[in-house]
Amino acid sequence: MLWGNEDDEEKTPEEKIIHLLKQAKLCVLKKDLKGAEKKLHEALFMAEEEKHTNAIIYTYDLMANVAFLAGKLDSAETLYKATLGLMLSSGVEKDNNAAIEISLKLAAIYAMQGKNELAVLGYEWCVKLMEEKLVRLTEVTDGSLSEEYKANTRLLLGMTLDSFGRYLRANGHWELARQQYVKALAISHEVQGDQHPQTVVLMSDLATTLDALGRFAEAEELSGRASIIAEETEHPEQPTVFLNHAGVLLHQENYSLAEAMYMKALKFAEKQKDAITAQEIRKGLDELQKRRAKAQIAAV
């Protein structure tokens, strides 16, 4: 132990880089972001010394992810741009799935920074590239592309549409958000099935969007279906799915069912120790009591 680790000395430079990257990922899992940064800088130094392009790109990508998790948006933006630049200069196509994922992260960063024009351009660029790519993939019938790759590419488009939909919804563009959610839900349903957690979340999000557009019957049917599946499958986001359903019922002035759904949501939120969702549920219950009281006074 005093003279170092002989096993480490016997490793090739590439093995040492891989070991550092694994250690960095472990630090992230432990929420030790400073430790992760340290390991990644060590890995980057070695990768640059070895002129190992793939290792450099991968390390930059991980560094960008860590910066994003740490809330260092400017640093994350710079690192993602550097990663994307290195990928494209090494011959990676602009519609490569990994390149699209980074472009999507950049769009999300622009949204968080309030750079709305850049965010919209980023999301629309990603959607356009992915939709064009999928058209080309359908024309490939010689078996050179696996069905798994095609499915993953479709799911990436679904993720892009979902992210764009959430951005549009957050900015009050309800009809545009609905359009993205409809397409994202169709992809998730076809590739992953109704029981998949992501499909359920998309159903719930689309329902709240329909609710905001005044399409109450559609919203209630969809949010109710999402709640049933979430309960049957023990969905990890049950509190949020139930909360969304309760909100739709509240706007329908179905106070009794809305209250029951709010209470069910609160039960699961407290069980999961989800304080943020529990707070939103209590706000919903307060709003329900106010509306119920007004309705009772109006009926007198």
C-alpha atoms as a PDB file:
ATOM      1  CA  MET A   1       0.000   0.000   0.000  1.00  0.00           C
ATOM      2  CA  LEU A   2       2.927   2.337   0.734  1.00  0.00           C
ATOM      3  CA  TRP A   3       4.414   1.870  -2.713  1.00  0.00           C
ATOM      4  CA  GLY A   4       1.200   2.150  -4.719  1.00  0.00           C
ATOM      5  CA  ASN A   5      -1.136  -0.226  -6.484  1.00  0.00           C
ATOM      6  CA  GLU A   6       0.766  -2.685  -8.659  1.00  0.00           C
ATOM      7  CA  ASP A   7      -2.416  -3.603 -10.532  1.00  0.00           C
ATOM      8  CA  ASP A   8      -2.907   0.057 -11.455  1.00  0.00           C
ATOM      9  CA  GLU A   9       0.673   0.305 -12.733  1.00  0.00           C
ATOM     10  CA  GLU A  10       0.087  -2.695 -14.998  1.00  0.00           C
ATOM     11  CA  LYS A  11      -2.966  -1.102 -16.661  1.00  0.00           C
ATOM     12  CA  THR A  12      -2.715   0.350 -20.143  1.00  0.00           C
ATOM     13  CA  PRO A  13      -3.439   4.095 -20.543  1.00  0.00           C
ATOM     14  CA  GLU A  14      -6.839   3.252 -22.043  1.00  0.00           C
ATOM     15  CA  GLU A  15      -7.706   1.019 -19.085  1.00  0.00           C
ATOM     16  CA  LYS A  16      -6.692   3.794 -16.682  1.00  0.00           C
ATOM     17  CA  ILE A  17      -8.938   6.269 -18.504  1.00  0.00           C
ATOM     18  CA  ILE A  18     -11.856   3.838 -18.384  1.00  0.00           C
ATOM     19  CA  HIS A  19     -11.244   3.276 -14.661  1.00  0.00           C
ATOM     20  CA  LEU A  20     -11.293   7.039 -13.996  1.00  0.00           C
ATOM     21  CA  LEU A  21     -14.516   7.431 -15.978  1.00  0.00           C
ATOM     22  CA  LYS A  22     -16.137   4.628 -13.991  1.00  0.00           C
ATOM     23  CA  GLN A  23     -15.018   6.295 -10.746  1.00  0.00           C
ATOM     24  CA  ALA A  24     -16.502   9.598 -11.960  1.00  0.00           C
ATOM     25  CA  LYS A  25     -19.837   7.917 -12.696  1.00  0.00           C
ATOM     26  CA  LEU A  26     -19.803   6.369  -9.233  1.00  0.00           C
ATOM     27  CA  CYS A  27     -19.214   9.809  -7.714  1.00  0.00           C
ATOM     28  CA  VAL A  28     -22.240  11.124  -9.628  1.00  0.00           C
ATOM     29  CA  LEU A  29     -24.385   8.292  -8.256  1.00  0.00           C
ATOM     30  CA  LYS A  30     -23.200   9.250  -4.769  1.00  0.00           C
ATOM     31  CA  LYS A  31     -24.000  12.920  -5.593  1.00  0.00           C
ATOM     32  CA  ASP A  32     -20.334  13.798  -5.103  1.00  0.00           C
ATOM     33  CA  LEU A  33     -20.142  16.180  -8.065  1.00  0.00           C
ATOM     34  CA  LYS A  34     -16.832  17.738  -7.013  1.00  0.00           C
ATOM     35  CA  GLY A  35     -15.290  14.286  -6.809  1.00  0.00           C
ATOM     36  CA  ALA A  36     -16.697  13.494 -10.260  1.00  0.00           C
ATOM     37  CA  GLU A  37     -15.198  16.696 -11.698  1.00  0.00           C
ATOM     38  CA  LYS A  38     -11.782  15.798 -10.288  1.00  0.00           C
ATOM     39  CA  LYS A  39     -11.822  12.301 -11.804  1.00  0.00           C
ATOM     40  CA  LEU A  40     -13.023  13.636 -15.155  1.00  0.00           C
ATOM     41  CA  HIS A  41     -10.251  16.227 -15.333  1.00  0.00           C
ATOM     42  CA  GLU A  42      -7.734  13.456 -14.669  1.00  0.00           C
ATOM     43  CA  ALA A  43      -9.316  11.313 -17.390  1.00  0.00           C
ATOM     44  CA  LEU A  44      -9.328  14.224 -19.858  1.00  0.00           C
ATOM     45  CA  PHE A  45      -5.644  14.939 -19.211  1.00  0.00           C
ATOM     46  CA  MET A  46      -4.733  11.315 -19.924  1.00  0.00           C
ATOM     47  CA  ALA A  47      -7.029  11.106 -22.969  1.00  0.00           C
ATOM     48  CA  GLU A  48      -5.475  14.233 -24.479  1.00  0.00           C
ATOM     49  CA  GLU A  49      -1.966  12.896 -23.801  1.00  0.00           C
ATOM     50  CA  GLU A  50      -2.896   9.682 -25.614  1.00  0.00           C
ATOM     51  CA  LYS A  51      -4.716  11.622 -28.365  1.00  0.00           C
ATOM     52  CA  HIS A  52      -7.651   9.252 -27.808  1.00  0.00           C
ATOM     53  CA  THR A  53     -10.445  11.113 -29.625  1.00  0.00           C
ATOM     54  CA  ASN A  54     -13.344   8.909 -28.476  1.00  0.00           C
ATOM     55  CA  ALA A  55     -12.215   9.132 -24.848  1.00  0.00           C
ATOM     56  CA  ILE A  56     -11.905  12.920 -25.107  1.00  0.00           C
ATOM     57  CA  ILE A  57     -15.413  13.244 -26.555  1.00  0.00           C
ATOM     58  CA  TYR A  58     -16.917  10.900 -23.960  1.00  0.00           C
ATOM     59  CA  THR A  59     -15.156  12.715 -21.108  1.00  0.00           C
ATOM     60  CA  TYR A  60     -16.326  16.128 -22.316  1.00  0.00           C
ATOM     61  CA  ASP A  61     -19.889  14.799 -22.473  1.00  0.00           C
ATOM     62  CA  LEU A  62     -19.689  13.509 -18.896  1.00  0.00           C
ATOM     63  CA  MET A  63     -18.172  16.801 -17.733  1.00  0.00           C
ATOM     64  CA  ALA A  64     -21.071  18.656 -19.345  1.00  0.00           C
ATOM     65  CA  ASN A  65     -23.575  16.370 -17.592  1.00  0.00           C
ATOM     66  CA  VAL A  66     -21.910  16.989 -14.227  1.00  0.00           C
ATOM     67  CA  ALA A  67     -21.906  20.754 -14.801  1.00  0.00           C
ATOM     68  CA  PHE A  68     -25.606  20.577 -15.704  1.00  0.00           C
ATOM     69  CA  LEU A  69     -26.402  18.598 -12.539  1.00  0.00           C
ATOM     70  CA  ALA A  70     -24.458  21.164 -10.503  1.00  0.00           C
ATOM     71  CA  GLY A  71     -26.564  23.969 -11.983  1.00  0.00           C
ATOM     72  CA  LYS A  72     -23.590  25.469 -13.836  1.00  0.00           C
ATOM     73  CA  LEU A  73     -25.554  26.123 -17.002  1.00  0.00           C
ATOM     74  CA  ASP A  74     -22.979  28.334 -18.734  1.00  0.00           C
ATOM     75  CA  SER A  75     -20.240  25.743 -18.205  1.00  0.00           C
ATOM     76  CA  ALA A  76     -22.566  22.935 -19.302  1.00  0.00           C
ATOM     77  CA  GLU A  77     -23.444  24.876 -22.465  1.00  0.00           C
ATOM     78  CA  THR A  78     -19.758  25.406 -23.304  1.00  0.00           C
ATOM     79  CA  LEU A  79     -18.898  21.768 -22.661  1.00  0.00           C
ATOM     80  CA  TYR A  80     -21.826  20.403 -24.677  1.00  0.00           C
ATOM     81  CA  LYS A  81     -20.878  22.658 -27.587  1.00  0.00           C
ATOM     82  CA  ALA A  82     -17.281  21.440 -27.360  1.00  0.00           C
ATOM     83  CA  THR A  83     -18.462  17.826 -27.282  1.00  0.00           C
ATOM     84  CA  LEU A  84     -20.709  18.328 -30.295  1.00  0.00           C
ATOM     85  CA  GLY A  85     -17.947  20.135 -32.197  1.00  0.00           C
ATOM     86  CA  LEU A  86     -15.491  17.302 -31.558  1.00  0.00           C
ATOM     87  CA  MET A  87     -18.046  14.703 -32.625  1.00  0.00           C
ATOM     88  CA  LEU A  88     -18.860  16.453 -35.898  1.00  0.00           C
ATOM     89  CA  SER A  89     -15.196  17.115 -36.705  1.00  0.00           C
ATOM     90  CA  SER A  90     -14.430  13.420 -36.138  1.00  0.00           C
ATOM     91  CA  GLY A  91     -16.922  12.451 -38.839  1.00  0.00           C
ATOM     92  CA  VAL A  92     -20.109  11.877 -36.830  1.00  0.00           C
ATOM     93  CA  GLU A  93     -23.248  12.850 -38.782  1.00  0.00           C
ATOM     94  CA  LYS A  94     -25.320  15.740 -37.434  1.00  0.00           C
ATOM     95  CA  ASP A  95     -28.380  13.450 -37.141  1.00  0.00           C
ATOM     96  CA  ASN A  96     -26.463  10.786 -35.216  1.00  0.00           C
ATOM     97  CA  ASN A  97     -28.534   9.844 -32.165  1.00  0.00           C
ATOM     98  CA  ALA A  98     -25.771  10.861 -29.745  1.00  0.00           C
ATOM     99  CA  ALA A  99     -25.387  14.227 -31.496  1.00  0.00           C
ATOM    100  CA  ILE A 100     -29.150  14.807 -31.340  1.00  0.00           C
ATOM    101  CA  GLU A 101     -29.166  14.035 -27.614  1.00  0.00           C
ATOM    102  CA  ILE A 102     -26.531  16.727 -27.018  1.00  0.00           C
ATOM    103  CA  SER A 103     -28.416  19.218 -29.217  1.00  0.00           C
ATOM    104  CA  LEU A 104     -31.530  18.465 -27.182  1.00  0.00           C
ATOM    105  CA  LYS A 105     -29.649  19.147 -23.941  1.00  0.00           C
ATOM    106  CA  LEU A 106     -28.466  22.470 -25.348  1.00  0.00           C
ATOM    107  CA  ALA A 107     -32.068  23.412 -26.197  1.00  0.00           C
ATOM    108  CA  ALA A 108     -33.076  22.573 -22.615  1.00  0.00           C
ATOM    109  CA  ILE A 109     -30.249  24.757 -21.273  1.00  0.00           C
ATOM    110  CA  TYR A 110     -31.343  27.676 -23.473  1.00  0.00           C
ATOM    111  CA  ALA A 111     -34.871  27.233 -22.111  1.00  0.00           C
ATOM    112  CA  MET A 112     -33.611  27.328 -18.519  1.00  0.00           C
ATOM    113  CA  GLN A 113     -31.519  30.418 -19.314  1.00  0.00           C
ATOM    114  CA  GLY A 114     -34.574  32.193 -20.725  1.00  0.00           C
ATOM    115  CA  LYS A 115     -33.073  32.239 -24.237  1.00  0.00           C
ATOM    116  CA  ASN A 116     -36.437  31.334 -25.738  1.00  0.00           C
ATOM    117  CA  GLU A 117     -35.626  31.993 -29.398  1.00  0.00           C
ATOM    118  CA  LEU A 118     -32.570  29.733 -29.246  1.00  0.00           C
ATOM    119  CA  ALA A 119     -34.530  27.111 -27.293  1.00  0.00           C
ATOM    120  CA  VAL A 120     -37.307  26.949 -29.908  1.00  0.00           C
ATOM    121  CA  LEU A 121     -34.795  26.836 -32.765  1.00  0.00           C
ATOM    122  CA  GLY A 122     -32.962  24.022 -30.980  1.00  0.00           C
ATOM    123  CA  TYR A 123     -36.061  21.942 -30.349  1.00  0.00           C
ATOM    124  CA  GLU A 124     -37.389  22.460 -33.891  1.00  0.00           C
ATOM    125  CA  TRP A 125     -33.970  21.548 -35.354  1.00  0.00           C
ATOM    126  CA  CYS A 126     -33.865  18.298 -33.381  1.00  0.00           C
ATOM    127  CA  VAL A 127     -37.429  17.346 -34.337  1.00  0.00           C
ATOM    128  CA  LYS A 128     -36.791  18.117 -38.029  1.00  0.00           C
ATOM    129  CA  LEU A 129     -33.580  16.064 -38.174  1.00  0.00           C
ATOM    130  CA  MET A 130     -35.140  13.108 -36.366  1.00  0.00           C
ATOM    131  CA  GLU A 131     -38.291  13.044 -38.484  1.00  0.00           C
ATOM    132  CA  GLU A 132     -36.241  13.180 -41.698  1.00  0.00           C
ATOM    133  CA  LYS A 133     -33.961  10.443 -40.391  1.00  0.00           C
ATOM    134  CA  LEU A 134     -36.867   8.149 -39.564  1.00  0.00           C
ATOM    135  CA  VAL A 135     -38.242   8.552 -43.090  1.00  0.00           C
ATOM    136  CA  ARG A 136     -34.885   7.392 -44.438  1.00  0.00           C
ATOM    137  CA  LEU A 137     -34.762   4.476 -41.990  1.00  0.00           C
ATOM    138  CA  THR A 138     -38.098   3.151 -43.229  1.00  0.00           C
ATOM    139  CA  GLU A 139     -36.583   2.939 -46.712  1.00  0.00           C
ATOM    140  CA  VAL A 140     -33.742   0.684 -45.479  1.00  0.00           C
ATOM    141  CA  THR A 141     -34.994  -2.879 -45.955  1.00  0.00           C
ATOM    142  CA  ASP A 142     -31.751  -4.770 -46.565  1.00  0.00           C
ATOM    143  CA  GLY A 143     -31.344  -5.753 -42.899  1.00  0.00           C
ATOM    144  CA  SER A 144     -28.288  -3.525 -42.380  1.00  0.00           C
ATOM    145  CA  LEU A 145     -30.029  -1.721 -39.533  1.00  0.00           C
ATOM    146  CA  SER A 146     -31.347  -3.648 -36.543  1.00  0.00           C
ATOM    147  CA  GLU A 147     -34.935  -3.290 -35.379  1.00  0.00           C
ATOM    148  CA  GLU A 148     -33.565  -2.274 -31.985  1.00  0.00           C
ATOM    149  CA  TYR A 149     -31.710   0.659 -33.533  1.00  0.00           C
ATOM    150  CA  LYS A 150     -34.821   1.753 -35.419  1.00  0.00           C
ATOM    151  CA  ALA A 151     -36.914   1.506 -32.238  1.00  0.00           C
ATOM    152  CA  ASN A 152     -34.360   3.475 -30.211  1.00  0.00           C
ATOM    153  CA  THR A 153     -34.293   6.166 -32.894  1.00  0.00           C
ATOM    154  CA  ARG A 154     -38.084   6.456 -32.772  1.00  0.00           C
ATOM    155  CA  LEU A 155     -37.946   6.680 -28.985  1.00  0.00           C
ATOM    156  CA  LEU A 156     -35.372   9.467 -29.249  1.00  0.00           C
ATOM    157  CA  LEU A 157     -37.786  11.381 -31.463  1.00  0.00           C
ATOM    158  CA  GLY A 158     -40.465  10.738 -28.830  1.00  0.00           C
ATOM    159  CA  MET A 159     -38.173  12.089 -26.111  1.00  0.00           C
ATOM    160  CA  THR A 160     -37.455  15.167 -28.240  1.00  0.00           C
ATOM    161  CA  LEU A 161     -41.161  15.812 -28.800  1.00  0.00           C
ATOM    162  CA  ASP A 162     -41.849  15.312 -25.097  1.00  0.00           C
ATOM    163  CA  SER A 163     -39.131  17.784 -24.108  1.00  0.00           C
ATOM    164  CA  PHE A 164     -40.378  20.336 -26.640  1.00  0.00           C
ATOM    165  CA  GLY A 165     -43.947  19.819 -25.420  1.00  0.00           C
ATOM    166  CA  ARG A 166     -42.952  20.473 -21.808  1.00  0.00           C
ATOM    167  CA  TYR A 167     -41.173  23.655 -22.863  1.00  0.00           C
ATOM    168  CA  LEU A 168     -44.202  24.875 -24.844  1.00  0.00           C
ATOM    169  CA  ARG A 169     -46.585  24.022 -22.000  1.00  0.00           C
ATOM    170  CA  ALA A 170     -44.431  25.873 -19.469  1.00  0.00           C
ATOM    171  CA  ASN A 171     -44.606  28.945 -21.705  1.00  0.00           C
ATOM    172  CA  GLY A 172     -48.366  28.787 -22.218  1.00  0.00           C
ATOM    173  CA  HIS A 173     -48.345  27.538 -25.827  1.00  0.00           C
ATOM    174  CA  TRP A 174     -50.958  24.912 -25.089  1.00  0.00           C
ATOM    175  CA  GLU A 175     -52.064  23.952 -28.600  1.00  0.00           C
ATOM    176  CA  LEU A 176     -48.493  23.591 -29.864  1.00  0.00           C
ATOM    177  CA  ALA A 177     -47.670  21.559 -26.758  1.00  0.00           C
ATOM    178  CA  ARG A 178     -50.656  19.300 -27.430  1.00  0.00           C
ATOM    179  CA  GLN A 179     -49.391  18.592 -30.935  1.00  0.00           C
ATOM    180  CA  GLN A 180     -45.986  17.485 -29.633  1.00  0.00           C
ATOM    181  CA  TYR A 181     -47.507  15.339 -26.875  1.00  0.00           C
ATOM    182  CA  VAL A 182     -49.873  13.577 -29.291  1.00  0.00           C
ATOM    183  CA  LYS A 183     -46.966  12.506 -31.502  1.00  0.00           C
ATOM    184  CA  ALA A 184     -44.756  11.565 -28.534  1.00  0.00           C
ATOM    185  CA  LEU A 185     -47.537   9.470 -26.992  1.00  0.00           C
ATOM    186  CA  ALA A 186     -48.177   7.644 -30.268  1.00  0.00           C
ATOM    187  CA  ILE A 187     -44.493   6.673 -30.473  1.00  0.00           C
ATOM    188  CA  SER A 188     -44.301   5.538 -26.849  1.00  0.00           C
ATOM    189  CA  HIS A 189     -47.523   3.540 -27.209  1.00  0.00           C
ATOM    190  CA  GLU A 190     -46.375   1.776 -30.387  1.00  0.00           C
ATOM    191  CA  VAL A 191     -42.800   1.034 -29.270  1.00  0.00           C
ATOM    192  CA  GLN A 192     -43.221   0.493 -25.513  1.00  0.00           C
ATOM    193  CA  GLY A 193     -46.913  -0.220 -24.935  1.00  0.00           C
ATOM    194  CA  ASP A 194     -49.599   1.328 -22.703  1.00  0.00           C
ATOM    195  CA  GLN A 195     -48.154  -0.096 -19.498  1.00  0.00           C
ATOM    196  CA  HIS A 196     -44.728   1.529 -19.854  1.00  0.00           C
ATOM    197  CA  PRO A 197     -44.006   4.277 -17.271  1.00  0.00           C
ATOM    198  CA  GLN A 198     -43.135   6.836 -19.971  1.00  0.00           C
ATOM    199  CA  THR A 199     -46.390   6.179 -21.817  1.00  0.00           C
ATOM    200  CA  VAL A 200     -48.353   6.796 -18.620  1.00  0.00           C
ATOM    201  CA  VAL A 201     -46.525  10.080 -17.946  1.00  0.00           C
ATOM    202  CA  LEU A 202     -47.210  11.250 -21.497  1.00  0.00           C
ATOM    203  CA  MET A 203     -50.899  10.356 -21.148  1.00  0.00           C
ATOM    204  CA  SER A 204     -51.075  12.373 -17.939  1.00  0.00           C
ATOM    205  CA  ASP A 205     -49.230  15.360 -19.417  1.00  0.00           C
ATOM    206  CA  LEU A 206     -51.396  15.352 -22.540  1.00  0.00           C
ATOM    207  CA  ALA A 207     -54.491  15.216 -20.327  1.00  0.00           C
ATOM    208  CA  THR A 208     -53.470  18.354 -18.401  1.00  0.00           C
ATOM    209  CA  THR A 209     -52.772  20.087 -21.715  1.00  0.00           C
ATOM    210  CA  LEU A 210     -56.211  19.152 -23.056  1.00  0.00           C
ATOM    211  CA  ASP A 211     -57.690  20.388 -19.779  1.00  0.00           C
ATOM    212  CA  ALA A 212     -56.008  23.785 -20.236  1.00  0.00           C
ATOM    213  CA  LEU A 213     -57.456  23.958 -23.755  1.00  0.00           C
ATOM    214  CA  GLY A 214     -60.967  23.379 -22.402  1.00  0.00           C
ATOM    215  CA  ARG A 215     -61.262  19.893 -23.886  1.00  0.00           C
ATOM    216  CA  PHE A 216     -62.508  18.537 -20.581  1.00  0.00           C
ATOM    217  CA  ALA A 217     -64.129  15.264 -21.657  1.00  0.00           C
ATOM    218  CA  GLU A 218     -60.958  14.130 -23.461  1.00  0.00           C
ATOM    219  CA  ALA A 219     -58.819  15.260 -20.534  1.00  0.00           C
ATOM    220  CA  GLU A 220     -60.909  13.371 -17.977  1.00  0.00           C
ATOM    221  CA  GLU A 221     -60.933  10.159 -20.050  1.00  0.00           C
ATOM    222  CA  LEU A 222     -57.171  10.241 -20.621  1.00  0.00           C
ATOM    223  CA  SER A 223     -56.159  11.251 -17.093  1.00  0.00           C
ATOM    224  CA  GLY A 224     -58.479   8.599 -15.675  1.00  0.00           C
ATOM    225  CA  ARG A 225     -56.872   5.925 -17.840  1.00  0.00           C
ATOM    226  CA  ALA A 226     -53.404   7.083 -16.814  1.00  0.00           C
ATOM    227  CA  SER A 227     -54.391   6.879 -13.125  1.00  0.00           C
ATOM    228  CA  ILE A 228     -55.752   3.342 -13.474  1.00  0.00           C
ATOM    229  CA  ILE A 229     -52.600   2.094 -15.224  1.00  0.00           C
ATOM    230  CA  ALA A 230     -50.355   3.941 -12.742  1.00  0.00           C
ATOM    231  CA  GLU A 231     -52.104   2.229  -9.830  1.00  0.00           C
ATOM    232  CA  GLU A 232     -52.105  -1.214 -11.473  1.00  0.00           C
ATOM    233  CA  THR A 233     -48.409  -1.029 -12.370  1.00  0.00           C
ATOM    234  CA  GLU A 234     -47.290   0.773  -9.192  1.00  0.00           C
ATOM    235  CA  HIS A 235     -45.895   3.595 -11.298  1.00  0.00           C
ATOM    236  CA  PRO A 236     -43.039   5.473  -9.570  1.00  0.00           C
ATOM    237  CA  GLU A 237     -44.770   8.801 -10.291  1.00  0.00           C
ATOM    238  CA  GLN A 238     -48.191   7.828  -8.948  1.00  0.00           C
ATOM    239  CA  PRO A 239     -48.556  11.017  -6.842  1.00  0.00           C
ATOM    240  CA  THR A 240     -48.087  13.277  -9.876  1.00  0.00           C
ATOM    241  CA  VAL A 241     -50.374  11.209 -12.116  1.00  0.00           C
ATOM    242  CA  PHE A 242     -53.097  11.221  -9.441  1.00  0.00           C
ATOM    243  CA  LEU A 243     -52.562  14.955  -8.843  1.00  0.00           C
ATOM    244  CA  ASN A 244     -53.067  15.694 -12.542  1.00  0.00           C
ATOM    245  CA  HIS A 245     -56.231  13.587 -12.608  1.00  0.00           C
ATOM    246  CA  ALA A 246     -57.543  15.379  -9.521  1.00  0.00           C
ATOM    247  CA  GLY A 247     -56.932  18.742 -11.191  1.00  0.00           C
ATOM    248  CA  VAL A 248     -58.932  17.708 -14.249  1.00  0.00           C
ATOM    249  CA  LEU A 249     -61.806  16.519 -12.033  1.00  0.00           C
ATOM    250  CA  LEU A 250     -61.667  19.790 -10.109  1.00  0.00           C
ATOM    251  CA  HIS A 251     -62.060  21.832 -13.279  1.00  0.00           C
ATOM    252  CA  GLN A 252     -65.031  19.630 -14.179  1.00  0.00           C
ATOM    253  CA  GLU A 253     -66.511  20.657 -10.799  1.00  0.00           C
ATOM    254  CA  ASN A 254     -66.608  17.010  -9.781  1.00  0.00           C
ATOM    255  CA  TYR A 255     -65.547  17.922  -6.244  1.00  0.00           C
ATOM    256  CA  SER A 256     -66.162  14.608  -4.506  1.00  0.00           C
ATOM    257  CA  LEU A 257     -64.092  12.552  -6.941  1.00  0.00           C
ATOM    258  CA  ALA A 258     -61.465  15.287  -7.115  1.00  0.00           C
ATOM    259  CA  GLU A 259     -61.082  15.280  -3.332  1.00  0.00           C
ATOM    260  CA  ALA A 260     -60.766  11.480  -3.243  1.00  0.00           C
ATOM    261  CA  MET A 261     -58.070  11.597  -5.933  1.00  0.00           C
ATOM    262  CA  TYR A 262     -56.207  14.397  -4.141  1.00  0.00           C
ATOM    263  CA  MET A 263     -56.216  12.346  -0.933  1.00  0.00           C
ATOM    264  CA  LYS A 264     -54.952   9.276  -2.784  1.00  0.00           C
ATOM    265  CA  ALA A 265     -52.191  11.381  -4.340  1.00  0.00           C
ATOM    266  CA  LEU A 266     -51.262  12.807  -0.932  1.00  0.00           C
ATOM    267  CA  LYS A 267     -51.079   9.336   0.596  1.00  0.00           C
ATOM    268  CA  PHE A 268     -48.557   8.151  -1.998  1.00  0.00           C
ATOM    269  CA  ALA A 269     -46.584  11.414  -1.939  1.00  0.00           C
ATOM    270  CA  GLU A 270     -46.147  11.141   1.834  1.00  0.00           C
ATOM    271  CA  LYS A 271     -45.248   7.467   1.519  1.00  0.00           C
ATOM    272  CA  GLN A 272     -42.533   8.380  -1.005  1.00  0.00           C
ATOM    273  CA  LYS A 273     -41.482  11.387   1.101  1.00  0.00           C
ATOM    274  CA  ASP A 274     -42.085  13.615  -1.914  1.00  0.00           C
ATOM    275  CA  ALA A 275     -42.464  16.959  -0.153  1.00  0.00           C
ATOM    276  CA  ILE A 276     -42.704  19.062  -3.330  1.00  0.00           C
ATOM    277  CA  THR A 277     -45.589  17.073  -4.842  1.00  0.00           C
ATOM    278  CA  ALA A 278     -47.297  16.885  -1.425  1.00  0.00           C
ATOM    279  CA  GLN A 279     -47.216  20.683  -1.259  1.00  0.00           C
ATOM    280  CA  GLU A 280     -48.821  20.943  -4.710  1.00  0.00           C
ATOM    281  CA  ILE A 281     -51.518  18.464  -3.653  1.00  0.00           C
ATOM    282  CA  ARG A 282     -52.343  20.515  -0.556  1.00  0.00           C
ATOM    283  CA  LYS A 283     -52.643  23.612  -2.739  1.00  0.00           C
ATOM    284  CA  GLY A 284     -55.097  21.690  -4.902  1.00  0.00           C
ATOM    285  CA  LEU A 285     -57.122  20.683  -1.849  1.00  0.00           C
ATOM    286  CA  ASP A 286     -57.235  24.310  -0.684  1.00  0.00           C
ATOM    287  CA  GLU A 287     -58.464  25.408  -4.107  1.00  0.00           C
ATOM    288  CA  LEU A 288     -61.070  22.645  -4.054  1.00  0.00           C
ATOM    289  CA  GLN A 289     -62.447  23.841  -0.704  1.00  0.00           C
ATOM    290  CA  LYS A 290     -62.669  27.420  -1.968  1.00  0.00           C
ATOM    291  CA  ARG A 291     -64.521  26.401  -5.116  1.00  0.00           C
ATOM    292  CA  ARG A 292     -66.835  24.098  -3.197  1.00  0.00           C
ATOM    293  CA  ALA A 293     -67.677  26.895  -0.725  1.00  0.00           C
ATOM    294  CA  LYS A 294     -68.429  29.323  -3.575  1.00  0.00           C
ATOM    295  CA  ALA A 295     -70.645  26.739  -5.260  1.00  0.00           C
ATOM    296  CA  GLN A 296     -72.580  26.191  -2.024  1.00  0.00           C
ATOM    297  CA  ILE A 297     -73.091  29.936  -1.533  1.00  0.00           C
ATOM    298  CA  ALA A 298     -74.240  30.343  -5.143  1.00  0.00           C
ATOM    299  CA  ALA A 299     -76.742  27.518  -4.674  1.00  0.00           C
ATOM    300  CA  VAL A 300     -78.403  29.189  -1.690  1.00  0.00           C
END
